C-alpha atoms as a PDB file:
ATOM      1  CA  LYS A   1     -26.877   0.551  10.461  1.00  0.00           C
ATOM      2  CA  MET A   2     -25.466   3.206   8.206  1.00  0.00           C
ATOM      3  CA  ASN A   3     -27.656   5.962   6.874  1.00  0.00           C
ATOM      4  CA  SER A   4     -26.781   9.170   5.071  1.00  0.00           C
ATOM      5  CA  SER A   5     -26.213  11.057   8.326  1.00  0.00           C
ATOM      6  CA  ASN A   6     -23.590   8.572   9.526  1.00  0.00           C
ATOM      7  CA  ARG A   7     -20.027   9.422   8.763  1.00  0.00           C
ATOM      8  CA  CYS A   8     -18.112   6.776   6.875  1.00  0.00           C
ATOM      9  CA  ARG A   9     -14.564   6.691   5.596  1.00  0.00           C
ATOM     10  CA  PHE A  10     -13.262   4.366   2.910  1.00  0.00           C
ATOM     11  CA  TYR A  11      -9.742   2.937   2.915  1.00  0.00           C
ATOM     12  CA  PHE A  12      -8.120   0.684   0.324  1.00  0.00           C
ATOM     13  CA  VAL A  13      -5.026  -1.299   1.298  1.00  0.00           C
ATOM     14  CA  ASP A  14      -2.430  -3.068  -0.833  1.00  0.00           C
ATOM     15  CA  GLU A  15       1.282  -3.845  -0.813  1.00  0.00           C
ATOM     16  CA  ALA A  16       4.328  -3.437  -3.056  1.00  0.00           C
ATOM     17  CA  GLY A  17       7.128  -5.938  -2.843  1.00  0.00           C
ATOM     18  CA  ASP A  18       6.489  -8.803  -0.466  1.00  0.00           C
ATOM     19  CA  PRO A  19       7.249  -9.754   3.147  1.00  0.00           C
ATOM     20  CA  VAL A  20       9.153 -12.930   2.144  1.00  0.00           C
ATOM     21  CA  LEU A  21      12.751 -13.276   3.429  1.00  0.00           C
ATOM     22  CA  PHE A  22      13.557 -16.957   2.960  1.00  0.00           C
ATOM     23  CA  GLY A  23      13.312 -19.518   0.163  1.00  0.00           C
ATOM     24  CA  LYS A  24      11.927 -23.044   0.449  1.00  0.00           C
ATOM     25  CA  ARG A  25      15.181 -24.397   1.884  1.00  0.00           C
ATOM     26  CA  GLY A  26      15.515 -21.610   4.420  1.00  0.00           C
ATOM     27  CA  GLN A  27      18.047 -19.631   2.377  1.00  0.00           C
ATOM     28  CA  VAL A  28      17.893 -15.814   2.386  1.00  0.00           C
ATOM     29  CA  ILE A  29      16.455 -14.637  -0.942  1.00  0.00           C
ATOM     30  CA  ILE A  30      16.599 -10.835  -0.488  1.00  0.00           C
ATOM     31  CA  ASN A  31      18.454  -9.300  -3.463  1.00  0.00           C
ATOM     32  CA  THR A  32      17.894 -12.388  -5.615  1.00  0.00           C
ATOM     33  CA  GLU A  33      15.965 -12.332  -8.899  1.00  0.00           C
ATOM     34  CA  GLY A  34      12.280 -11.616  -8.355  1.00  0.00           C
ATOM     35  CA  CYS A  35      12.583 -10.770  -4.665  1.00  0.00           C
ATOM     36  CA  SER A  36      12.122  -7.174  -3.521  1.00  0.00           C
ATOM     37  CA  ARG A  37      14.498  -5.410  -1.120  1.00  0.00           C
ATOM     38  CA  PHE A  38      11.647  -3.396   0.379  1.00  0.00           C
ATOM     39  CA  PHE A  39       8.193  -4.196   1.636  1.00  0.00           C
ATOM     40  CA  ILE A  40       5.687  -1.342   1.370  1.00  0.00           C
ATOM     41  CA  LEU A  41       2.121  -1.251   2.666  1.00  0.00           C
ATOM     42  CA  GLY A  42      -0.114   1.565   1.443  1.00  0.00           C
ATOM     43  CA  ILE A  43      -3.574   2.992   2.084  1.00  0.00           C
ATOM     44  CA  LEU A  44      -5.717   5.058  -0.231  1.00  0.00           C
ATOM     45  CA  ASP A  45      -8.029   7.349   1.735  1.00  0.00           C
ATOM     46  CA  CYS A  46     -10.967   8.010  -0.577  1.00  0.00           C
ATOM     47  CA  SER A  47     -14.021  10.035   0.436  1.00  0.00           C
ATOM     48  CA  GLN A  48     -16.036   9.240  -2.727  1.00  0.00           C
ATOM     49  CA  PRO A  49     -15.258   5.699  -3.917  1.00  0.00           C
ATOM     50  CA  GLY A  50     -18.250   5.744  -6.253  1.00  0.00           C
ATOM     51  CA  ALA A  51     -16.875   8.762  -8.129  1.00  0.00           C
ATOM     52  CA  LEU A  52     -13.404   7.181  -8.336  1.00  0.00           C
ATOM     53  CA  THR A  53     -14.938   3.962  -9.692  1.00  0.00           C
ATOM     54  CA  ASN A  54     -16.833   5.875 -12.377  1.00  0.00           C
ATOM     55  CA  GLU A  55     -13.773   7.855 -13.422  1.00  0.00           C
ATOM     56  CA  LEU A  56     -11.480   4.837 -13.678  1.00  0.00           C
ATOM     57  CA  ASN A  57     -14.094   2.707 -15.452  1.00  0.00           C
ATOM     58  CA  ASN A  58     -14.874   5.479 -17.956  1.00  0.00           C
ATOM     59  CA  LEU A  59     -11.182   6.053 -18.592  1.00  0.00           C
ATOM     60  CA  ARG A  60     -10.605   2.345 -19.217  1.00  0.00           C
ATOM     61  CA  GLN A  61     -13.574   2.086 -21.576  1.00  0.00           C
ATOM     62  CA  ASN A  62     -12.377   5.140 -23.538  1.00  0.00           C
ATOM     63  CA  LEU A  63      -8.871   3.746 -23.863  1.00  0.00           C
ATOM     64  CA  LEU A  64     -10.141   0.318 -24.928  1.00  0.00           C
ATOM     65  CA  ALA A  65     -12.314   2.006 -27.577  1.00  0.00           C
ATOM     66  CA  ASP A  66      -9.379   4.046 -28.926  1.00  0.00           C
ATOM     67  CA  PRO A  67      -8.050   2.528 -32.193  1.00  0.00           C
ATOM     68  CA  TYR A  68      -4.529   3.545 -31.119  1.00  0.00           C
ATOM     69  CA  PHE A  69      -4.614   0.752 -28.518  1.00  0.00           C
ATOM     70  CA  LYS A  70      -6.402  -1.806 -30.684  1.00  0.00           C
ATOM     71  CA  LYS A  71      -3.528  -4.302 -30.962  1.00  0.00           C
ATOM     72  CA  VAL A  72      -1.892  -3.809 -27.551  1.00  0.00           C
ATOM     73  CA  PRO A  73      -1.534  -7.323 -26.057  1.00  0.00           C
ATOM     74  CA  SER A  74      -2.202  -6.314 -22.421  1.00  0.00           C
ATOM     75  CA  MET A  75      -5.478  -4.698 -23.485  1.00  0.00           C
ATOM     76  CA  GLN A  76      -6.979  -7.850 -25.021  1.00  0.00           C
ATOM     77  CA  PRO A  77      -9.522  -9.791 -22.927  1.00  0.00           C
ATOM     78  CA  GLU A  78      -7.533 -13.039 -23.165  1.00  0.00           C
ATOM     79  CA  ALA A  79      -4.525 -11.399 -21.482  1.00  0.00           C
ATOM     80  CA  GLY A  80      -6.618 -10.804 -18.351  1.00  0.00           C
ATOM     81  CA  LYS A  81      -4.894  -7.463 -17.697  1.00  0.00           C
ATOM     82  CA  THR A  82      -5.788  -3.864 -18.628  1.00  0.00           C
ATOM     83  CA  TYR A  83      -8.997  -5.034 -20.313  1.00  0.00           C
ATOM     84  CA  PHE A  84     -10.406  -5.794 -16.843  1.00  0.00           C
ATOM     85  CA  ALA A  85      -8.508  -3.462 -14.504  1.00  0.00           C
ATOM     86  CA  PHE A  86      -5.631  -1.003 -14.375  1.00  0.00           C
ATOM     87  CA  HIS A  87      -2.403  -2.386 -12.938  1.00  0.00           C
ATOM     88  CA  ALA A  88       0.690  -0.176 -13.139  1.00  0.00           C
ATOM     89  CA  LYS A  89       3.108  -3.054 -13.765  1.00  0.00           C
ATOM     90  CA  ASP A  90       1.062  -4.437 -16.681  1.00  0.00           C
ATOM     91  CA  ASP A  91      -0.215  -1.206 -18.252  1.00  0.00           C
ATOM     92  CA  ILE A  92       1.755   0.232 -21.162  1.00  0.00           C
ATOM     93  CA  PRO A  93       3.346   3.683 -20.608  1.00  0.00           C
ATOM     94  CA  GLU A  94       0.685   5.619 -22.578  1.00  0.00           C
ATOM     95  CA  VAL A  95      -2.076   4.059 -20.473  1.00  0.00           C
ATOM     96  CA  ARG A  96      -0.108   4.609 -17.294  1.00  0.00           C
ATOM     97  CA  HIS A  97       0.228   8.300 -18.123  1.00  0.00           C
ATOM     98  CA  GLU A  98      -3.553   8.620 -18.497  1.00  0.00           C
ATOM     99  CA  VAL A  99      -4.162   6.926 -15.142  1.00  0.00           C
ATOM    100  CA  PHE A 100      -1.536   9.051 -13.399  1.00  0.00           C
ATOM    101  CA  SER A 101      -3.097  12.245 -14.814  1.00  0.00           C
ATOM    102  CA  MET A 102      -6.521  11.199 -13.567  1.00  0.00           C
ATOM    103  CA  LEU A 103      -5.289  10.228 -10.090  1.00  0.00           C
ATOM    104  CA  ARG A 104      -3.420  13.490  -9.661  1.00  0.00           C
ATOM    105  CA  LYS A 105      -6.731  15.336  -9.954  1.00  0.00           C
ATOM    106  CA  ALA A 106      -8.736  12.825  -7.887  1.00  0.00           C
ATOM    107  CA  ASP A 107      -9.959  13.527  -4.365  1.00  0.00           C
ATOM    108  CA  VAL A 108      -7.758  10.900  -2.739  1.00  0.00           C
ATOM    109  CA  LYS A 109      -4.893  10.803  -0.249  1.00  0.00           C
ATOM    110  CA  PHE A 110      -2.222   8.139   0.093  1.00  0.00           C
ATOM    111  CA  LEU A 111      -0.253   6.942   3.134  1.00  0.00           C
ATOM    112  CA  ALA A 112       2.408   4.236   3.325  1.00  0.00           C
ATOM    113  CA  VAL A 113       4.872   2.493   5.593  1.00  0.00           C
ATOM    114  CA  VAL A 114       8.168   1.182   4.228  1.00  0.00           C
ATOM    115  CA  ARG A 115      10.491  -1.493   5.587  1.00  0.00           C
ATOM    116  CA  ARG A 116      13.914  -2.590   4.389  1.00  0.00           C
ATOM    117  CA  LYS A 117      13.970  -6.354   4.352  1.00  0.00           C
ATOM    118  CA  GLU A 118      17.653  -6.491   5.335  1.00  0.00           C
ATOM    119  CA  ARG A 119      16.660  -4.824   8.613  1.00  0.00           C
ATOM    120  CA  VAL A 120      13.791  -7.260   9.136  1.00  0.00           C
ATOM    121  CA  LEU A 121      16.287 -10.093   8.595  1.00  0.00           C
ATOM    122  CA  GLU A 122      18.567  -8.632  11.286  1.00  0.00           C
ATOM    123  CA  TYR A 123      15.622  -8.621  13.694  1.00  0.00           C
ATOM    124  CA  VAL A 124      14.739 -12.242  12.841  1.00  0.00           C
ATOM    125  CA  ARG A 125      18.323 -13.374  13.434  1.00  0.00           C
ATOM    126  CA  GLN A 126      18.534 -11.582  16.782  1.00  0.00           C
ATOM    127  CA  ARG A 127      15.230 -13.096  17.824  1.00  0.00           C
ATOM    128  CA  ASN A 128      16.421 -16.581  16.807  1.00  0.00           C
ATOM    129  CA  MET A 129      19.472 -16.181  19.024  1.00  0.00           C
ATOM    130  CA  SER A 130      17.316 -15.538  22.081  1.00  0.00           C
ATOM    131  CA  ASP A 131      14.517 -17.927  21.062  1.00  0.00           C
ATOM    132  CA  PRO A 132      15.711 -20.854  18.867  1.00  0.00           C
ATOM    133  CA  LEU A 133      12.105 -22.026  18.345  1.00  0.00           C
ATOM    134  CA  TYR A 134      11.024 -18.721  16.757  1.00  0.00           C
ATOM    135  CA  ARG A 135      10.142 -19.024  13.051  1.00  0.00           C
ATOM    136  CA  TYR A 136       9.527 -15.962  10.904  1.00  0.00           C
ATOM    137  CA  ASN A 137       6.153 -15.849   9.175  1.00  0.00           C
ATOM    138  CA  PRO A 138       5.624 -13.206   6.427  1.00  0.00           C
ATOM    139  CA  ASN A 139       2.116 -12.496   7.789  1.00  0.00           C
ATOM    140  CA  GLU A 140       3.745 -11.286  11.001  1.00  0.00           C
ATOM    141  CA  LEU A 141       5.428  -8.399   9.143  1.00  0.00           C
ATOM    142  CA  TYR A 142       2.272  -7.625   7.168  1.00  0.00           C
ATOM    143  CA  ASP A 143       0.121  -7.457  10.313  1.00  0.00           C
ATOM    144  CA  TYR A 144       2.677  -5.350  12.161  1.00  0.00           C
ATOM    145  CA  MET A 145       2.697  -2.832   9.306  1.00  0.00           C
ATOM    146  CA  VAL A 146      -1.116  -2.746   9.299  1.00  0.00           C
ATOM    147  CA  ARG A 147      -0.975  -1.721  12.975  1.00  0.00           C
ATOM    148  CA  VAL A 148       1.626   0.983  12.282  1.00  0.00           C
ATOM    149  CA  LEU A 149      -0.193   2.314   9.228  1.00  0.00           C
ATOM    150  CA  PHE A 150      -3.590   2.547  10.917  1.00  0.00           C
ATOM    151  CA  LYS A 151      -2.468   3.830  14.308  1.00  0.00           C
ATOM    152  CA  ASN A 152      -4.031   7.303  13.820  1.00  0.00           C
ATOM    153  CA  LEU A 153      -6.691   6.511  11.234  1.00  0.00           C
ATOM    154  CA  LEU A 154      -9.547   4.774  13.030  1.00  0.00           C
ATOM    155  CA  HIS A 155     -11.022   7.214  15.533  1.00  0.00           C
ATOM    156  CA  LYS A 156     -12.676  10.170  13.764  1.00  0.00           C
ATOM    157  CA  GLU A 157     -15.629   8.639  11.916  1.00  0.00           C
ATOM    158  CA  GLU A 158     -18.511   6.404  12.979  1.00  0.00           C
ATOM    159  CA  TYR A 159     -17.852   3.782  10.317  1.00  0.00           C
ATOM    160  CA  TYR A 160     -14.817   2.580   8.413  1.00  0.00           C
ATOM    161  CA  GLU A 161     -14.980   0.456   5.303  1.00  0.00           C
ATOM    162  CA  ILE A 162     -11.564  -1.062   4.719  1.00  0.00           C
ATOM    163  CA  THR A 163     -10.882  -3.045   1.552  1.00  0.00           C
ATOM    164  CA  PHE A 164      -7.735  -5.156   1.533  1.00  0.00           C
ATOM    165  CA  ALA A 165      -6.299  -6.626  -1.650  1.00  0.00           C
ATOM    166  CA  LYS A 166      -6.684 -10.407  -1.573  1.00  0.00           C
ATOM    167  CA  ARG A 167      -3.403 -12.192  -0.822  1.00  0.00           C
ATOM    168  CA  GLY A 168      -3.300 -15.827  -1.882  1.00  0.00           C
ATOM    169  CA  ASN A 169      -6.036 -18.266  -0.905  1.00  0.00           C
ATOM    170  CA  GLN A 170      -6.055 -17.924   2.858  1.00  0.00           C
ATOM    171  CA  ASP A 171      -8.794 -15.900   4.535  1.00  0.00           C
ATOM    172  CA  ARG A 172      -6.990 -13.467   6.819  1.00  0.00           C
ATOM    173  CA  THR A 173      -9.975 -11.242   7.630  1.00  0.00           C
ATOM    174  CA  GLU A 174      -9.936 -12.036  11.342  1.00  0.00           C
ATOM    175  CA  ALA A 175      -6.176 -11.498  11.688  1.00  0.00           C
ATOM    176  CA  LEU A 176      -6.524  -8.140   9.934  1.00  0.00           C
ATOM    177  CA  ARG A 177      -9.488  -7.208  12.106  1.00  0.00           C
ATOM    178  CA  ALA A 178      -7.408  -8.027  15.208  1.00  0.00           C
ATOM    179  CA  SER A 179      -4.575  -5.769  13.951  1.00  0.00           C
ATOM    180  CA  LEU A 180      -6.991  -2.902  13.251  1.00  0.00           C
ATOM    181  CA  ILE A 181      -8.700  -3.189  16.632  1.00  0.00           C
ATOM    182  CA  HIS A 182      -5.275  -3.323  18.274  1.00  0.00           C
ATOM    183  CA  ALA A 183      -4.319  -0.056  16.504  1.00  0.00           C
ATOM    184  CA  GLN A 184      -7.633   1.535  17.523  1.00  0.00           C
ATOM    185  CA  ARG A 185      -7.199   0.505  21.189  1.00  0.00           C
ATOM    186  CA  ARG A 186      -3.625   1.746  21.326  1.00  0.00           C
ATOM    187  CA  PHE A 187      -4.787   5.140  20.058  1.00  0.00           C
ATOM    188  CA  ALA A 188      -7.596   5.290  22.652  1.00  0.00           C
ATOM    189  CA  GLU A 189      -5.198   4.376  25.483  1.00  0.00           C
ATOM    190  CA  LYS A 190      -2.504   6.789  24.353  1.00  0.00           C
ATOM    191  CA  TRP A 191      -4.840   9.788  24.143  1.00  0.00           C
ATOM    192  CA  GLY A 192      -7.368   8.792  26.828  1.00  0.00           C
ATOM    193  CA  LYS A 193     -10.260   8.787  24.367  1.00  0.00           C
ATOM    194  CA  VAL A 194     -13.274   6.538  23.913  1.00  0.00           C
ATOM    195  CA  VAL A 195     -13.326   5.188  20.358  1.00  0.00           C
ATOM    196  CA  ASN A 196     -16.468   3.335  19.236  1.00  0.00           C
ATOM    197  CA  SER A 197     -15.997   3.443  15.482  1.00  0.00           C
ATOM    198  CA  GLU A 198     -17.290   0.402  13.633  1.00  0.00           C
ATOM    199  CA  ILE A 199     -14.848  -1.335  11.292  1.00  0.00           C
ATOM    200  CA  ASN A 200     -16.006  -3.347   8.289  1.00  0.00           C
ATOM    201  CA  ILE A 201     -13.388  -5.323   6.376  1.00  0.00           C
ATOM    202  CA  PHE A 202     -13.534  -6.645   2.818  1.00  0.00           C
ATOM    203  CA  ALA A 203     -11.023  -8.675   0.818  1.00  0.00           C
ATOM    204  CA  LYS A 204     -11.274  -8.039  -2.913  1.00  0.00           C
ATOM    205  CA  SER A 205      -9.305  -8.309  -6.117  1.00  0.00           C
ATOM    206  CA  PRO A 206      -8.448  -5.165  -8.150  1.00  0.00           C
ATOM    207  CA  THR A 207     -11.019  -6.111 -10.812  1.00  0.00           C
ATOM    208  CA  GLU A 208     -13.688  -5.780  -8.088  1.00  0.00           C
ATOM    209  CA  SER A 209     -12.373  -2.494  -6.686  1.00  0.00           C
ATOM    210  CA  ALA A 210     -11.325   0.746  -8.371  1.00  0.00           C
ATOM    211  CA  GLY A 211      -9.822   1.862  -5.039  1.00  0.00           C
ATOM    212  CA  LEU A 212      -7.390  -1.065  -5.172  1.00  0.00           C
ATOM    213  CA  GLN A 213      -6.447  -0.181  -8.756  1.00  0.00           C
ATOM    214  CA  ALA A 214      -5.691   3.369  -7.616  1.00  0.00           C
ATOM    215  CA  VAL A 215      -3.677   2.348  -4.542  1.00  0.00           C
ATOM    216  CA  ASP A 216      -1.621   0.051  -6.806  1.00  0.00           C
ATOM    217  CA  TYR A 217      -0.510   3.082  -8.838  1.00  0.00           C
ATOM    218  CA  PHE A 218       0.581   5.006  -5.754  1.00  0.00           C
ATOM    219  CA  LEU A 219       2.471   1.980  -4.456  1.00  0.00           C
ATOM    220  CA  TRP A 220       4.138   1.441  -7.824  1.00  0.00           C
ATOM    221  CA  SER A 221       5.365   5.052  -7.922  1.00  0.00           C
ATOM    222  CA  LEU A 222       6.793   4.697  -4.392  1.00  0.00           C
ATOM    223  CA  GLN A 223       8.374   1.337  -5.160  1.00  0.00           C
ATOM    224  CA  ARG A 224      10.071   2.754  -8.276  1.00  0.00           C
ATOM    225  CA  LEU A 225      11.795   5.305  -6.068  1.00  0.00           C
ATOM    226  CA  TYR A 226      12.990   2.797  -3.484  1.00  0.00           C
ATOM    227  CA  GLU A 227      13.862  -0.150  -5.715  1.00  0.00           C
ATOM    228  CA  ARG A 228      15.007   1.625  -8.899  1.00  0.00           C
ATOM    229  CA  HIS A 229      15.785   5.213  -7.869  1.00  0.00           C
ATOM    230  CA  GLU A 230      13.209   6.551 -10.333  1.00  0.00           C
ATOM    231  CA  GLU A 231      11.731   9.713  -8.911  1.00  0.00           C
ATOM    232  CA  ARG A 232       9.431  11.179 -11.548  1.00  0.00           C
ATOM    233  CA  TYR A 233       6.308   9.118 -10.826  1.00  0.00           C
ATOM    234  CA  LEU A 234       6.398   9.831  -7.107  1.00  0.00           C
ATOM    235  CA  GLU A 235       7.114  13.507  -7.736  1.00  0.00           C
ATOM    236  CA  TYR A 236       4.120  13.740 -10.067  1.00  0.00           C
ATOM    237  CA  LEU A 237       1.717  12.188  -7.542  1.00  0.00           C
ATOM    238  CA  TRP A 238       3.279  13.768  -4.445  1.00  0.00           C
ATOM    239  CA  PRO A 239       0.439  16.340  -4.007  1.00  0.00           C
ATOM    240  CA  ASN A 240      -1.806  13.342  -3.189  1.00  0.00           C
ATOM    241  CA  TYR A 241       0.607  11.805  -0.689  1.00  0.00           C
ATOM    242  CA  ARG A 242      -0.265  12.546   2.919  1.00  0.00           C
ATOM    243  CA  LEU A 243       2.461  10.522   4.633  1.00  0.00           C
ATOM    244  CA  VAL A 244       5.260   8.020   4.033  1.00  0.00           C
ATOM    245  CA  HIS A 245       6.725   6.482   7.193  1.00  0.00           C
ATOM    246  CA  ASP A 246      10.157   4.979   6.506  1.00  0.00           C
ATOM    247  CA  LEU A 247      10.526   2.750   9.558  1.00  0.00           C
ATOM    248  CA  ASP A 248      14.154   1.743   9.042  1.00  0.00           C
ATOM    249  CA  ASP A 249      15.695   5.134   8.328  1.00  0.00           C
ATOM    250  CA  THR A 250      16.676   5.816  11.935  1.00  0.00           C
ATOM    251  CA  ARG A 251      19.064   8.713  11.301  1.00  0.00           C
ATOM    252  CA  GLU A 252      16.897  11.152  13.236  1.00  0.00           C
ATOM    253  CA  ALA A 253      14.808   8.970  15.544  1.00  0.00           C
ATOM    254  CA  LYS A 254      14.477   5.305  16.406  1.00  0.00           C
ATOM    255  CA  TYR A 255      10.903   5.173  15.067  1.00  0.00           C
ATOM    256  CA  GLY A 256      12.091   6.177  11.559  1.00  0.00           C
ATOM    257  CA  ILE A 257      11.378   9.194   9.349  1.00  0.00           C
ATOM    258  CA  TYR A 258       8.032  10.717   8.368  1.00  0.00           C
ATOM    259  CA  TYR A 259       7.826  12.275   4.909  1.00  0.00           C
ATOM    260  CA  ASP A 260       4.944  14.653   4.276  1.00  0.00           C
ATOM    261  CA  LYS A 261       4.078  18.032   2.716  1.00  0.00           C
ATOM    262  CA  LYS A 262       6.687  19.835   4.855  1.00  0.00           C
ATOM    263  CA  LYS A 263       9.352  17.189   4.327  1.00  0.00           C
ATOM    264  CA  PRO A 264       8.904  15.714   0.824  1.00  0.00           C
ATOM    265  CA  LEU A 265      10.289  12.303  -0.045  1.00  0.00           C
ATOM    266  CA  THR A 266      12.892  12.684  -2.786  1.00  0.00           C
ATOM    267  CA  LEU A 267      15.724  10.610  -4.183  1.00  0.00           C
ATOM    268  CA  ALA A 268      18.196  13.044  -2.602  1.00  0.00           C
ATOM    269  CA  ALA A 269      16.625  12.468   0.820  1.00  0.00           C
ATOM    270  CA  LEU A 270      16.987   8.708   0.363  1.00  0.00           C
ATOM    271  CA  ASN A 271      20.487   8.817  -1.064  1.00  0.00           C
ATOM    272  CA  ASP A 272      21.712  10.475   2.099  1.00  0.00           C
ATOM    273  CA  PHE A 273      20.824   7.208   3.789  1.00  0.00           C
ATOM    274  CA  SER A 274      22.840   4.328   2.410  1.00  0.00           C
ATOM    275  CA  PRO A 275      21.674   1.085   4.166  1.00  0.00           C
ATOM    276  CA  GLY A 276      19.477  -0.973   1.878  1.00  0.00           C
ATOM    277  CA  ILE A 277      19.626   1.586  -0.930  1.00  0.00           C
END
């Protein structure tokens, strides 16, 4: 088992938007109220999760103790929101600014894959034409994106602790494990390497995991760019972004576009590409 000499890496995984394409009666619900146009899966790569937990917990306690925030509804215990955990969508702007400032200085890196749901719908329709019995399941898209996101991330260390944000009531640990092992095997085959890293998976809620609270903020900043064309949050956190893989922007290659330090993701870069934007 792990001791201090073993090398361990910690990943935290969550999503923005959702992988749902159809309503209860089979109607397409993309672009309707409450349904995202994009599905984004993100990973926070954090070398010191204990330090991140301390920083976020201390920040939250300080903000809750500040009289300025005394009457803010989302910061009352009965609201079940900021009082217990940071969540970019629920936090008021002043709180959000504090969290963003802290994350920008934190020793973390963020990676994400992005899909346009209109493109996923095209795929589903083509598949239905060749196989009338095929039925789209949102978990299929989620698991596929897990494999894409982790394809180069599971070979360097001896141990990996991967915390996924809980999704609904179903236990999907084994399906996620299968996707991760698939990604690990593909890497080993592609590069002719032997990979024996051990993978441990946890499913938690953000209140149980500071890493999930942090990854939520990175996802929110990315989602604001894609869904609302708001650039400032992403721009502010960009030094902590390692990679964004836009799978459906196939202008340059069929596998999509990689945004990184050399090729930053900006609104201008996206606006050049019209489908789904």
